[in-house]
Amino acid sequence: KLQEMGAKNVVVSMAGEGAVLVGSDGTISMLPAPKGKLVNGVGA
């Protein structure tokens, strides 16, 4: 929907759930978060 409103590429971050890409070239990618110990979430 944000693409339809004008954005070319949309990345949605989801903390421990990973992230989603909806790309201008038709790419839809959904990836889980890499495994590791959370030390500092500021600036991620």
Full PDB file with SEQRES, HELIX, SHEET, SSBOND, CRYST1, ORIGX, SCALE, CONECT and MASTER records, all heavy atoms in Angstrom:
SEQRES   1 A   44  LYS LEU GLN GLU MET GLY ALA LYS ASN VAL VAL VAL SER          
SEQRES   2 A   44  MET ALA GLY GLU GLY ALA VAL LEU VAL GLY SER ASP GLY          
SEQRES   3 A   44  THR ILE SER MET LEU PRO ALA PRO LYS GLY LYS LEU VAL          
SEQRES   4 A   44  ASN GLY VAL GLY ALA                                          
HELIX    1 AA1 ALA A   15  GLU A   17  5                                   3    
SHEET    1 AA1 3 VAL A  10  SER A  13  0                                        
SHEET    2 AA1 3 ALA A  19  VAL A  22 -1                                        
SHEET    3 AA1 3 ILE A  28  LEU A  31 -1                                        
CRYST1    1.000    1.000    1.000  90.00  90.00  90.00 P 1           1          
ORIGX1      1.000000  0.000000  0.000000        0.00000                         
ORIGX2      0.000000  1.000000  0.000000        0.00000                         
ORIGX3      0.000000  0.000000  1.000000        0.00000                         
SCALE1      1.000000  0.000000  0.000000        0.00000                         
SCALE2      0.000000  1.000000  0.000000        0.00000                         
SCALE3      0.000000  0.000000  1.000000        0.00000                         
ATOM      1  N   LYS A   1       0.835  -1.212   0.000  1.00  0.00           N  
ATOM      2  CA  LYS A   1       0.000   0.000   0.000  1.00  0.00           C  
ATOM      3  C   LYS A   1       0.870   1.262   0.000  1.00  0.00           C  
ATOM      4  O   LYS A   1       0.558   2.252  -0.671  1.00  0.00           O  
ATOM      5  CB  LYS A   1      -0.934   0.002   1.214  1.00  0.00           C  
ATOM      6  CG  LYS A   1      -2.115  -0.952   1.117  1.00  0.00           C  
ATOM      7  CD  LYS A   1      -2.972  -0.863   2.366  1.00  0.00           C  
ATOM      8  CE  LYS A   1      -4.107  -1.881   2.333  1.00  0.00           C  
ATOM      9  NZ  LYS A   1      -5.128  -1.557   1.315  1.00  0.00           N  
ATOM     10  N   LEU A   2       1.964   1.234   0.767  1.00  0.00           N  
ATOM     11  CA  LEU A   2       2.876   2.384   0.767  1.00  0.00           C  
ATOM     12  C   LEU A   2       3.537   2.552  -0.594  1.00  0.00           C  
ATOM     13  O   LEU A   2       3.798   3.679  -1.037  1.00  0.00           O  
ATOM     14  CB  LEU A   2       3.936   2.224   1.860  1.00  0.00           C  
ATOM     15  CG  LEU A   2       3.432   2.289   3.300  1.00  0.00           C  
ATOM     16  CD1 LEU A   2       4.594   2.157   4.280  1.00  0.00           C  
ATOM     17  CD2 LEU A   2       2.677   3.583   3.572  1.00  0.00           C  
ATOM     18  N   GLN A   3       3.793   1.442  -1.275  1.00  0.00           N  
ATOM     19  CA  GLN A   3       4.296   1.516  -2.656  1.00  0.00           C  
ATOM     20  C   GLN A   3       3.270   2.179  -3.562  1.00  0.00           C  
ATOM     21  O   GLN A   3       3.593   3.040  -4.378  1.00  0.00           O  
ATOM     22  CB  GLN A   3       4.612   0.120  -3.187  1.00  0.00           C  
ATOM     23  CG  GLN A   3       6.050  -0.307  -2.999  1.00  0.00           C  
ATOM     24  CD  GLN A   3       6.376  -1.540  -3.806  1.00  0.00           C  
ATOM     25  OE1 GLN A   3       5.510  -2.370  -4.090  1.00  0.00           O  
ATOM     26  NE2 GLN A   3       7.630  -1.687  -4.173  1.00  0.00           N  
ATOM     27  N   GLU A   4       2.020   1.780  -3.424  1.00  0.00           N  
ATOM     28  CA  GLU A   4       0.952   2.371  -4.239  1.00  0.00           C  
ATOM     29  C   GLU A   4       0.831   3.867  -3.976  1.00  0.00           C  
ATOM     30  O   GLU A   4       0.449   4.642  -4.856  1.00  0.00           O  
ATOM     31  CB  GLU A   4      -0.372   1.684  -3.947  1.00  0.00           C  
ATOM     32  CG  GLU A   4      -0.437   0.229  -4.415  1.00  0.00           C  
ATOM     33  CD  GLU A   4      -1.613  -0.532  -3.814  1.00  0.00           C  
ATOM     34  OE1 GLU A   4      -2.440   0.099  -3.109  1.00  0.00           O  
ATOM     35  OE2 GLU A   4      -1.702  -1.749  -4.050  1.00  0.00           O  
ATOM     36  N   MET A   5       1.192   4.298  -2.771  1.00  0.00           N  
ATOM     37  CA  MET A   5       1.123   5.716  -2.415  1.00  0.00           C  
ATOM     38  C   MET A   5       2.352   6.484  -2.886  1.00  0.00           C  
ATOM     39  O   MET A   5       2.389   7.707  -2.756  1.00  0.00           O  
ATOM     40  CB  MET A   5       0.951   5.852  -0.902  1.00  0.00           C  
ATOM     41  CG  MET A   5      -0.370   5.284  -0.386  1.00  0.00           C  
ATOM     42  SD  MET A   5      -0.427   5.069   1.416  1.00  0.00           S  
ATOM     43  CE  MET A   5      -0.488   6.773   1.971  1.00  0.00           C  
ATOM     44  N   GLY A   6       3.377   5.758  -3.394  1.00  0.00           N  
ATOM     45  CA  GLY A   6       4.509   6.455  -3.991  1.00  0.00           C  
ATOM     46  C   GLY A   6       5.886   5.926  -3.683  1.00  0.00           C  
ATOM     47  O   GLY A   6       6.833   6.198  -4.431  1.00  0.00           O  
ATOM     48  N   ALA A   7       6.070   5.203  -2.567  1.00  0.00           N  
ATOM     49  CA  ALA A   7       7.408   4.712  -2.216  1.00  0.00           C  
ATOM     50  C   ALA A   7       7.879   3.685  -3.243  1.00  0.00           C  
ATOM     51  O   ALA A   7       7.110   2.850  -3.704  1.00  0.00           O  
ATOM     52  CB  ALA A   7       7.392   4.093  -0.835  1.00  0.00           C  
ATOM     53  N   LYS A   8       9.156   3.743  -3.606  1.00  0.00           N  
ATOM     54  CA  LYS A   8       9.693   2.778  -4.572  1.00  0.00           C  
ATOM     55  C   LYS A   8      10.043   1.457  -3.885  1.00  0.00           C  
ATOM     56  O   LYS A   8       9.647   0.390  -4.343  1.00  0.00           O  
ATOM     57  CB  LYS A   8      10.916   3.373  -5.280  1.00  0.00           C  
ATOM     58  CG  LYS A   8      10.567   4.540  -6.193  1.00  0.00           C  
ATOM     59  CD  LYS A   8      11.802   5.087  -6.888  1.00  0.00           C  
ATOM     60  CE  LYS A   8      11.433   6.263  -7.796  1.00  0.00           C  
ATOM     61  NZ  LYS A   8      12.623   6.852  -8.446  1.00  0.00           N  
ATOM     62  N   ASN A   9      10.816   1.539  -2.814  1.00  0.00           N  
ATOM     63  CA  ASN A   9      11.217   0.345  -2.073  1.00  0.00           C  
ATOM     64  C   ASN A   9      10.832   0.523  -0.614  1.00  0.00           C  
ATOM     65  O   ASN A   9      11.038   1.598  -0.041  1.00  0.00           O  
ATOM     66  CB  ASN A   9      12.726   0.118  -2.185  1.00  0.00           C  
ATOM     67  CG  ASN A   9      13.176  -0.064  -3.624  1.00  0.00           C  
ATOM     68  OD1 ASN A   9      12.909  -1.082  -4.249  1.00  0.00           O  
ATOM     69  ND2 ASN A   9      13.860   0.949  -4.167  1.00  0.00           N  
ATOM     70  N   VAL A  10      10.268  -0.531  -0.028  1.00  0.00           N  
ATOM     71  CA  VAL A  10       9.829  -0.477   1.363  1.00  0.00           C  
ATOM     72  C   VAL A  10      10.503  -1.606   2.130  1.00  0.00           C  
ATOM     73  O   VAL A  10      10.362  -2.779   1.763  1.00  0.00           O  
ATOM     74  CB  VAL A  10       8.297  -0.617   1.485  1.00  0.00           C  
ATOM     75  CG1 VAL A  10       7.874  -0.501   2.955  1.00  0.00           C  
ATOM     76  CG2 VAL A  10       7.585   0.429   0.636  1.00  0.00           C  
ATOM     77  N   VAL A  11      11.254  -1.249   3.161  1.00  0.00           N  
ATOM     78  CA  VAL A  11      11.798  -2.234   4.086  1.00  0.00           C  
ATOM     79  C   VAL A  11      11.109  -2.026   5.426  1.00  0.00           C  
ATOM     80  O   VAL A  11      11.064  -0.907   5.942  1.00  0.00           O  
ATOM     81  CB  VAL A  11      13.330  -2.087   4.251  1.00  0.00           C  
ATOM     82  CG1 VAL A  11      13.832  -2.951   5.402  1.00  0.00           C  
ATOM     83  CG2 VAL A  11      14.041  -2.473   2.965  1.00  0.00           C  
ATOM     84  N   VAL A  12      10.569  -3.119   5.974  1.00  0.00           N  
ATOM     85  CA  VAL A  12       9.899  -3.061   7.270  1.00  0.00           C  
ATOM     86  C   VAL A  12      10.716  -3.877   8.259  1.00  0.00           C  
ATOM     87  O   VAL A  12      10.883  -5.090   8.089  1.00  0.00           O  
ATOM     88  CB  VAL A  12       8.460  -3.608   7.186  1.00  0.00           C  
ATOM     89  CG1 VAL A  12       7.777  -3.474   8.549  1.00  0.00           C  
ATOM     90  CG2 VAL A  12       7.659  -2.872   6.112  1.00  0.00           C  
ATOM     91  N   SER A  13      11.252  -3.211   9.271  1.00  0.00           N  
ATOM     92  CA  SER A  13      12.024  -3.914  10.294  1.00  0.00           C  
ATOM     93  C   SER A  13      11.078  -4.408  11.382  1.00  0.00           C  
ATOM     94  O   SER A  13      10.098  -3.755  11.724  1.00  0.00           O  
ATOM     95  CB  SER A  13      13.093  -2.986  10.888  1.00  0.00           C  
ATOM     96  OG  SER A  13      12.506  -1.809  11.416  1.00  0.00           O  
ATOM     97  N   MET A  14      11.405  -5.596  11.936  1.00  0.00           N  
ATOM     98  CA  MET A  14      10.510  -6.231  12.904  1.00  0.00           C  
ATOM     99  C   MET A  14      11.278  -6.788  14.104  1.00  0.00           C  
ATOM    100  O   MET A  14      10.875  -7.802  14.679  1.00  0.00           O  
ATOM    101  CB  MET A  14       9.704  -7.334  12.218  1.00  0.00           C  
ATOM    102  CG  MET A  14       8.878  -6.858  11.040  1.00  0.00           C  
ATOM    103  SD  MET A  14       7.852  -8.150  10.299  1.00  0.00           S  
ATOM    104  CE  MET A  14       6.651  -8.417  11.605  1.00  0.00           C  
ATOM    105  N   ALA A  15      12.394  -6.153  14.456  1.00  0.00           N  
ATOM    106  CA  ALA A  15      13.205  -6.576  15.606  1.00  0.00           C  
ATOM    107  C   ALA A  15      13.496  -8.076  15.520  1.00  0.00           C  
ATOM    108  O   ALA A  15      14.016  -8.545  14.518  1.00  0.00           O  
ATOM    109  CB  ALA A  15      12.504  -6.203  16.916  1.00  0.00           C  
ATOM    110  N   GLY A  16      13.112  -8.845  16.539  1.00  0.00           N  
ATOM    111  CA  GLY A  16      13.436 -10.263  16.588  1.00  0.00           C  
ATOM    112  C   GLY A  16      12.735 -11.105  15.541  1.00  0.00           C  
ATOM    113  O   GLY A  16      13.106 -12.265  15.317  1.00  0.00           O  
ATOM    114  N   GLU A  17      11.717 -10.538  14.882  1.00  0.00           N  
ATOM    115  CA  GLU A  17      11.003 -11.277  13.828  1.00  0.00           C  
ATOM    116  C   GLU A  17      11.675 -11.141  12.465  1.00  0.00           C  
ATOM    117  O   GLU A  17      11.232 -11.747  11.493  1.00  0.00           O  
ATOM    118  CB  GLU A  17       9.551 -10.776  13.725  1.00  0.00           C  
ATOM    119  CG  GLU A  17       8.668 -11.204  14.874  1.00  0.00           C  
ATOM    120  CD  GLU A  17       8.554 -12.719  14.985  1.00  0.00           C  
ATOM    121  OE1 GLU A  17       8.279 -13.369  13.956  1.00  0.00           O  
ATOM    122  OE2 GLU A  17       8.773 -13.245  16.089  1.00  0.00           O  
ATOM    123  N   GLY A  18      12.711 -10.313  12.365  1.00  0.00           N  
ATOM    124  CA  GLY A  18      13.403 -10.160  11.092  1.00  0.00           C  
ATOM    125  C   GLY A  18      12.952  -8.916  10.353  1.00  0.00           C  
ATOM    126  O   GLY A  18      12.731  -7.866  10.947  1.00  0.00           O  
ATOM    127  N   ALA A  19      12.781  -9.032   9.037  1.00  0.00           N  
ATOM    128  CA  ALA A  19      12.432  -7.870   8.218  1.00  0.00           C  
ATOM    129  C   ALA A  19      11.808  -8.323   6.909  1.00  0.00           C  
ATOM    130  O   ALA A  19      11.905  -9.492   6.519  1.00  0.00           O  
ATOM    131  CB  ALA A  19      13.666  -7.008   7.953  1.00  0.00           C  
ATOM    132  N   VAL A  20      11.175  -7.364   6.233  1.00  0.00           N  
ATOM    133  CA  VAL A  20      10.489  -7.619   4.959  1.00  0.00           C  
ATOM    134  C   VAL A  20      10.915  -6.555   3.958  1.00  0.00           C  
ATOM    135  O   VAL A  20      11.014  -5.375   4.307  1.00  0.00           O  
ATOM    136  CB  VAL A  20       8.955  -7.582   5.146  1.00  0.00           C  
ATOM    137  CG1 VAL A  20       8.234  -7.686   3.801  1.00  0.00           C  
ATOM    138  CG2 VAL A  20       8.497  -8.690   6.084  1.00  0.00           C  
ATOM    139  N   LEU A  21      11.167  -6.976   2.738  1.00  0.00           N  
ATOM    140  CA  LEU A  21      11.429  -6.058   1.623  1.00  0.00           C  
ATOM    141  C   LEU A  21      10.354  -6.215   0.572  1.00  0.00           C  
ATOM    142  O   LEU A  21      10.067  -7.330   0.131  1.00  0.00           O  
ATOM    143  CB  LEU A  21      12.792  -6.353   0.979  1.00  0.00           C  
ATOM    144  CG  LEU A  21      13.034  -5.728  -0.408  1.00  0.00           C  
ATOM    145  CD1 LEU A  21      13.161  -4.207  -0.311  1.00  0.00           C  
ATOM    146  CD2 LEU A  21      14.273  -6.326  -1.066  1.00  0.00           C  
ATOM    147  N   VAL A  22       9.754  -5.099   0.181  1.00  0.00           N  
ATOM    148  CA  VAL A  22       8.911  -5.055  -1.009  1.00  0.00           C  
ATOM    149  C   VAL A  22       9.600  -4.092  -1.970  1.00  0.00           C  
ATOM    150  O   VAL A  22       9.650  -2.887  -1.722  1.00  0.00           O  
ATOM    151  CB  VAL A  22       7.478  -4.594  -0.679  1.00  0.00           C  
ATOM    152  CG1 VAL A  22       6.642  -4.474  -1.946  1.00  0.00           C  
ATOM    153  CG2 VAL A  22       6.819  -5.579   0.288  1.00  0.00           C  
ATOM    154  N   GLY A  23      10.192  -4.651  -3.037  1.00  0.00           N  
ATOM    155  CA  GLY A  23      11.066  -3.880  -3.902  1.00  0.00           C  
ATOM    156  C   GLY A  23      10.386  -3.344  -5.149  1.00  0.00           C  
ATOM    157  O   GLY A  23       9.362  -3.865  -5.606  1.00  0.00           O  
ATOM    158  N   SER A  24      10.991  -2.330  -5.723  1.00  0.00           N  
ATOM    159  CA  SER A  24      10.462  -1.698  -6.934  1.00  0.00           C  
ATOM    160  C   SER A  24      10.532  -2.617  -8.142  1.00  0.00           C  
ATOM    161  O   SER A  24       9.825  -2.405  -9.127  1.00  0.00           O  
ATOM    162  CB  SER A  24      11.231  -0.405  -7.230  1.00  0.00           C  
ATOM    163  OG  SER A  24      12.620  -0.678  -7.379  1.00  0.00           O  
ATOM    164  N   ASP A  25      11.385  -3.647  -8.083  1.00  0.00           N  
ATOM    165  CA  ASP A  25      11.511  -4.595  -9.198  1.00  0.00           C  
ATOM    166  C   ASP A  25      10.592  -5.805  -9.032  1.00  0.00           C  
ATOM    167  O   ASP A  25      10.711  -6.787  -9.765  1.00  0.00           O  
ATOM    168  CB  ASP A  25      12.961  -5.067  -9.339  1.00  0.00           C  
ATOM    169  CG  ASP A  25      13.476  -5.773  -8.083  1.00  0.00           C  
ATOM    170  OD1 ASP A  25      12.724  -5.852  -7.081  1.00  0.00           O  
ATOM    171  OD2 ASP A  25      14.630  -6.244  -8.099  1.00  0.00           O  
ATOM    172  N   GLY A  26       9.680  -5.739  -8.067  1.00  0.00           N  
ATOM    173  CA  GLY A  26       8.773  -6.856  -7.819  1.00  0.00           C  
ATOM    174  C   GLY A  26       9.258  -7.828  -6.763  1.00  0.00           C  
ATOM    175  O   GLY A  26       8.533  -8.750  -6.394  1.00  0.00           O  
ATOM    176  N   THR A  27      10.466  -7.608  -6.259  1.00  0.00           N  
ATOM    177  CA  THR A  27      11.019  -8.486  -5.224  1.00  0.00           C  
ATOM    178  C   THR A  27      10.191  -8.404  -3.943  1.00  0.00           C  
ATOM    179  O   THR A  27       9.851  -7.314  -3.477  1.00  0.00           O  
ATOM    180  CB  THR A  27      12.469  -8.086  -4.890  1.00  0.00           C  
ATOM    181  OG1 THR A  27      13.288  -8.266  -6.031  1.00  0.00           O  
ATOM    182  CG2 THR A  27      13.019  -8.916  -3.738  1.00  0.00           C  
ATOM    183  N   ILE A  28       9.845  -9.560  -3.398  1.00  0.00           N  
ATOM    184  CA  ILE A  28       9.288  -9.635  -2.050  1.00  0.00           C  
ATOM    185  C   ILE A  28      10.156 -10.616  -1.279  1.00  0.00           C  
ATOM    186  O   ILE A  28      10.247 -11.791  -1.645  1.00  0.00           O  
ATOM    187  CB  ILE A  28       7.823 -10.099  -2.049  1.00  0.00           C  
ATOM    188  CG1 ILE A  28       6.942  -9.076  -2.777  1.00  0.00           C  
ATOM    189  CG2 ILE A  28       7.335 -10.278  -0.600  1.00  0.00           C  
ATOM    190  CD1 ILE A  28       5.494  -9.496  -2.902  1.00  0.00           C  
ATOM    191  N   SER A  29      10.824 -10.125  -0.261  1.00  0.00           N  
ATOM    192  CA  SER A  29      11.741 -10.963   0.511  1.00  0.00           C  
ATOM    193  C   SER A  29      11.397 -10.847   1.985  1.00  0.00           C  
ATOM    194  O   SER A  29      11.209  -9.745   2.503  1.00  0.00           O  
ATOM    195  CB  SER A  29      13.191 -10.533   0.262  1.00  0.00           C  
ATOM    196  OG  SER A  29      14.087 -11.390   0.932  1.00  0.00           O  
ATOM    197  N   MET A  30      11.269 -11.993   2.645  1.00  0.00           N  
ATOM    198  CA  MET A  30      10.977 -12.037   4.079  1.00  0.00           C  
ATOM    199  C   MET A  30      12.056 -12.888   4.744  1.00  0.00           C  
ATOM    200  O   MET A  30      12.193 -14.067   4.415  1.00  0.00           O  
ATOM    201  CB  MET A  30       9.601 -12.643   4.328  1.00  0.00           C  
ATOM    202  CG  MET A  30       8.457 -11.811   3.783  1.00  0.00           C  
ATOM    203  SD  MET A  30       6.836 -12.586   4.045  1.00  0.00           S  
ATOM    204  CE  MET A  30       6.862 -13.825   2.753  1.00  0.00           C  
ATOM    205  N   LEU A  31      12.827 -12.275   5.642  1.00  0.00           N  
ATOM    206  CA  LEU A  31      13.931 -12.992   6.271  1.00  0.00           C  
ATOM    207  C   LEU A  31      13.817 -12.929   7.790  1.00  0.00           C  
ATOM    208  O   LEU A  31      13.460 -11.876   8.347  1.00  0.00           O  
ATOM    209  CB  LEU A  31      15.270 -12.404   5.840  1.00  0.00           C  
ATOM    210  CG  LEU A  31      15.672 -12.635   4.374  1.00  0.00           C  
ATOM    211  CD1 LEU A  31      16.935 -11.852   4.046  1.00  0.00           C  
ATOM    212  CD2 LEU A  31      15.888 -14.125   4.115  1.00  0.00           C  
ATOM    213  N   PRO A  32      14.122 -14.034   8.456  1.00  0.00           N  
ATOM    214  CA  PRO A  32      14.143 -14.006   9.923  1.00  0.00           C  
ATOM    215  C   PRO A  32      15.353 -13.233  10.428  1.00  0.00           C  
ATOM    216  O   PRO A  32      16.303 -12.967   9.677  1.00  0.00           O  
ATOM    217  CB  PRO A  32      14.256 -15.495  10.296  1.00  0.00           C  
ATOM    218  CG  PRO A  32      14.968 -16.102   9.120  1.00  0.00           C  
ATOM    219  CD  PRO A  32      14.501 -15.343   7.916  1.00  0.00           C  
ATOM    220  N   ALA A  33      15.317 -12.881  11.693  1.00  0.00           N  
ATOM    221  CA  ALA A  33      16.466 -12.188  12.293  1.00  0.00           C  
ATOM    222  C   ALA A  33      17.625 -13.157  12.467  1.00  0.00           C  
ATOM    223  O   ALA A  33      17.426 -14.295  12.881  1.00  0.00           O  
ATOM    224  CB  ALA A  33      16.066 -11.599  13.641  1.00  0.00           C  
ATOM    225  N   PRO A  34      18.850 -12.736  12.137  1.00  0.00           N  
ATOM    226  CA  PRO A  34      20.014 -13.586  12.415  1.00  0.00           C  
ATOM    227  C   PRO A  34      20.104 -13.892  13.904  1.00  0.00           C  
ATOM    228  O   PRO A  34      19.679 -13.103  14.749  1.00  0.00           O  
ATOM    229  CB  PRO A  34      21.190 -12.721  11.947  1.00  0.00           C  
ATOM    230  CG  PRO A  34      20.605 -11.766  10.975  1.00  0.00           C  
ATOM    231  CD  PRO A  34      19.218 -11.486  11.460  1.00  0.00           C  
ATOM    232  N   LYS A  35      20.705 -15.028  14.215  1.00  0.00           N  
ATOM    233  CA  LYS A  35      20.816 -15.443  15.616  1.00  0.00           C  
ATOM    234  C   LYS A  35      21.982 -14.731  16.277  1.00  0.00           C  
ATOM    235  O   LYS A  35      23.054 -14.596  15.704  1.00  0.00           O  
ATOM    236  CB  LYS A  35      21.012 -16.955  15.696  1.00  0.00           C  
ATOM    237  CG  LYS A  35      19.773 -17.712  15.286  1.00  0.00           C  
ATOM    238  CD  LYS A  35      19.935 -19.192  15.529  1.00  0.00           C  
ATOM    239  CE  LYS A  35      18.613 -19.798  15.358  1.00  0.00           C  
ATOM    240  NZ  LYS A  35      18.150 -20.761  14.759  1.00  0.00           N  
ATOM    241  N   GLY A  36      21.745 -14.281  17.497  1.00  0.00           N  
ATOM    242  CA  GLY A  36      22.789 -13.615  18.262  1.00  0.00           C  
ATOM    243  C   GLY A  36      22.220 -13.056  19.551  1.00  0.00           C  
ATOM    244  O   GLY A  36      20.999 -13.006  19.731  1.00  0.00           O  
ATOM    245  N   LYS A  37      23.082 -12.602  20.434  1.00  0.00           N  
ATOM    246  CA  LYS A  37      22.655 -12.057  21.726  1.00  0.00           C  
ATOM    247  C   LYS A  37      22.442 -10.551  21.616  1.00  0.00           C  
ATOM    248  O   LYS A  37      23.341  -9.814  21.199  1.00  0.00           O  
ATOM    249  CB  LYS A  37      23.715 -12.349  22.792  1.00  0.00           C  
ATOM    250  CG  LYS A  37      23.338 -11.809  24.164  1.00  0.00           C  
ATOM    251  CD  LYS A  37      24.447 -12.051  25.180  1.00  0.00           C  
ATOM    252  CE  LYS A  37      24.084 -11.420  26.523  1.00  0.00           C  
ATOM    253  NZ  LYS A  37      25.169 -11.589  27.511  1.00  0.00           N  
ATOM    254  N   LEU A  38      21.244 -10.091  21.984  1.00  0.00           N  
ATOM    255  CA  LEU A  38      20.951  -8.660  21.982  1.00  0.00           C  
ATOM    256  C   LEU A  38      21.767  -7.977  23.082  1.00  0.00           C  
ATOM    257  O   LEU A  38      21.641  -8.302  24.258  1.00  0.00           O  
ATOM    258  CB  LEU A  38      19.464  -8.417  22.208  1.00  0.00           C  
ATOM    259  CG  LEU A  38      19.037  -6.946  22.326  1.00  0.00           C  
ATOM    260  CD1 LEU A  38      19.323  -6.189  21.034  1.00  0.00           C  
ATOM    261  CD2 LEU A  38      17.564  -6.830  22.700  1.00  0.00           C  
ATOM    262  N   VAL A  39      22.610  -7.044  22.664  1.00  0.00           N  
ATOM    263  CA  VAL A  39      23.447  -6.293  23.601  1.00  0.00           C  
ATOM    264  C   VAL A  39      22.972  -4.852  23.709  1.00  0.00           C  
ATOM    265  O   VAL A  39      22.881  -4.285  24.790  1.00  0.00           O  
ATOM    266  CB  VAL A  39      24.933  -6.337  23.165  1.00  0.00           C  
ATOM    267  CG1 VAL A  39      25.797  -5.463  24.062  1.00  0.00           C  
ATOM    268  CG2 VAL A  39      25.442  -7.774  23.168  1.00  0.00           C  
ATOM    269  N   ASN A  40      22.645  -4.254  22.561  1.00  0.00           N  
ATOM    270  CA  ASN A  40      22.272  -2.835  22.537  1.00  0.00           C  
ATOM    271  C   ASN A  40      21.406  -2.558  21.314  1.00  0.00           C  
ATOM    272  O   ASN A  40      21.908  -2.564  20.195  1.00  0.00           O  
ATOM    273  CB  ASN A  40      23.541  -1.965  22.519  1.00  0.00           C  
ATOM    274  CG  ASN A  40      23.224  -0.483  22.463  1.00  0.00           C  
ATOM    275  OD1 ASN A  40      22.122  -0.054  22.779  1.00  0.00           O  
ATOM    276  ND2 ASN A  40      24.204   0.299  22.056  1.00  0.00           N  
ATOM    277  N   GLY A  41      20.103  -2.344  21.526  1.00  0.00           N  
ATOM    278  CA  GLY A  41      19.190  -2.127  20.407  1.00  0.00           C  
ATOM    279  C   GLY A  41      19.234  -0.711  19.848  1.00  0.00           C  
ATOM    280  O   GLY A  41      18.653  -0.449  18.785  1.00  0.00           O  
ATOM    281  N   VAL A  42      19.913   0.229  20.535  1.00  0.00           N  
ATOM    282  CA  VAL A  42      19.949   1.618  20.070  1.00  0.00           C  
ATOM    283  C   VAL A  42      20.713   1.709  18.752  1.00  0.00           C  
ATOM    284  O   VAL A  42      21.860   1.277  18.653  1.00  0.00           O  
ATOM    285  CB  VAL A  42      20.608   2.531  21.133  1.00  0.00           C  
ATOM    286  CG1 VAL A  42      20.733   3.951  20.600  1.00  0.00           C  
ATOM    287  CG2 VAL A  42      19.810   2.511  22.422  1.00  0.00           C  
ATOM    288  N   GLY A  43      20.064   2.253  17.732  1.00  0.00           N  
ATOM    289  CA  GLY A  43      20.739   2.448  16.446  1.00  0.00           C  
ATOM    290  C   GLY A  43      20.657   1.273  15.497  1.00  0.00           C  
ATOM    291  O   GLY A  43      21.194   1.343  14.386  1.00  0.00           O  
ATOM    292  N   ALA A  44      19.967   0.198  15.890  1.00  0.00           N  
ATOM    293  CA  ALA A  44      19.899  -0.978  15.010  1.00  0.00           C  
ATOM    294  C   ALA A  44      19.132  -0.658  13.724  1.00  0.00           C  
ATOM    295  O   ALA A  44      19.549  -1.047  12.626  1.00  0.00           O  
ATOM    296  CB  ALA A  44      19.248  -2.149  15.744  1.00  0.00           C  
TER     297      ALA A  44                                                      
MASTER        0    0    0    1    3    0    0    6  296    1    0    4          
END                                                                             
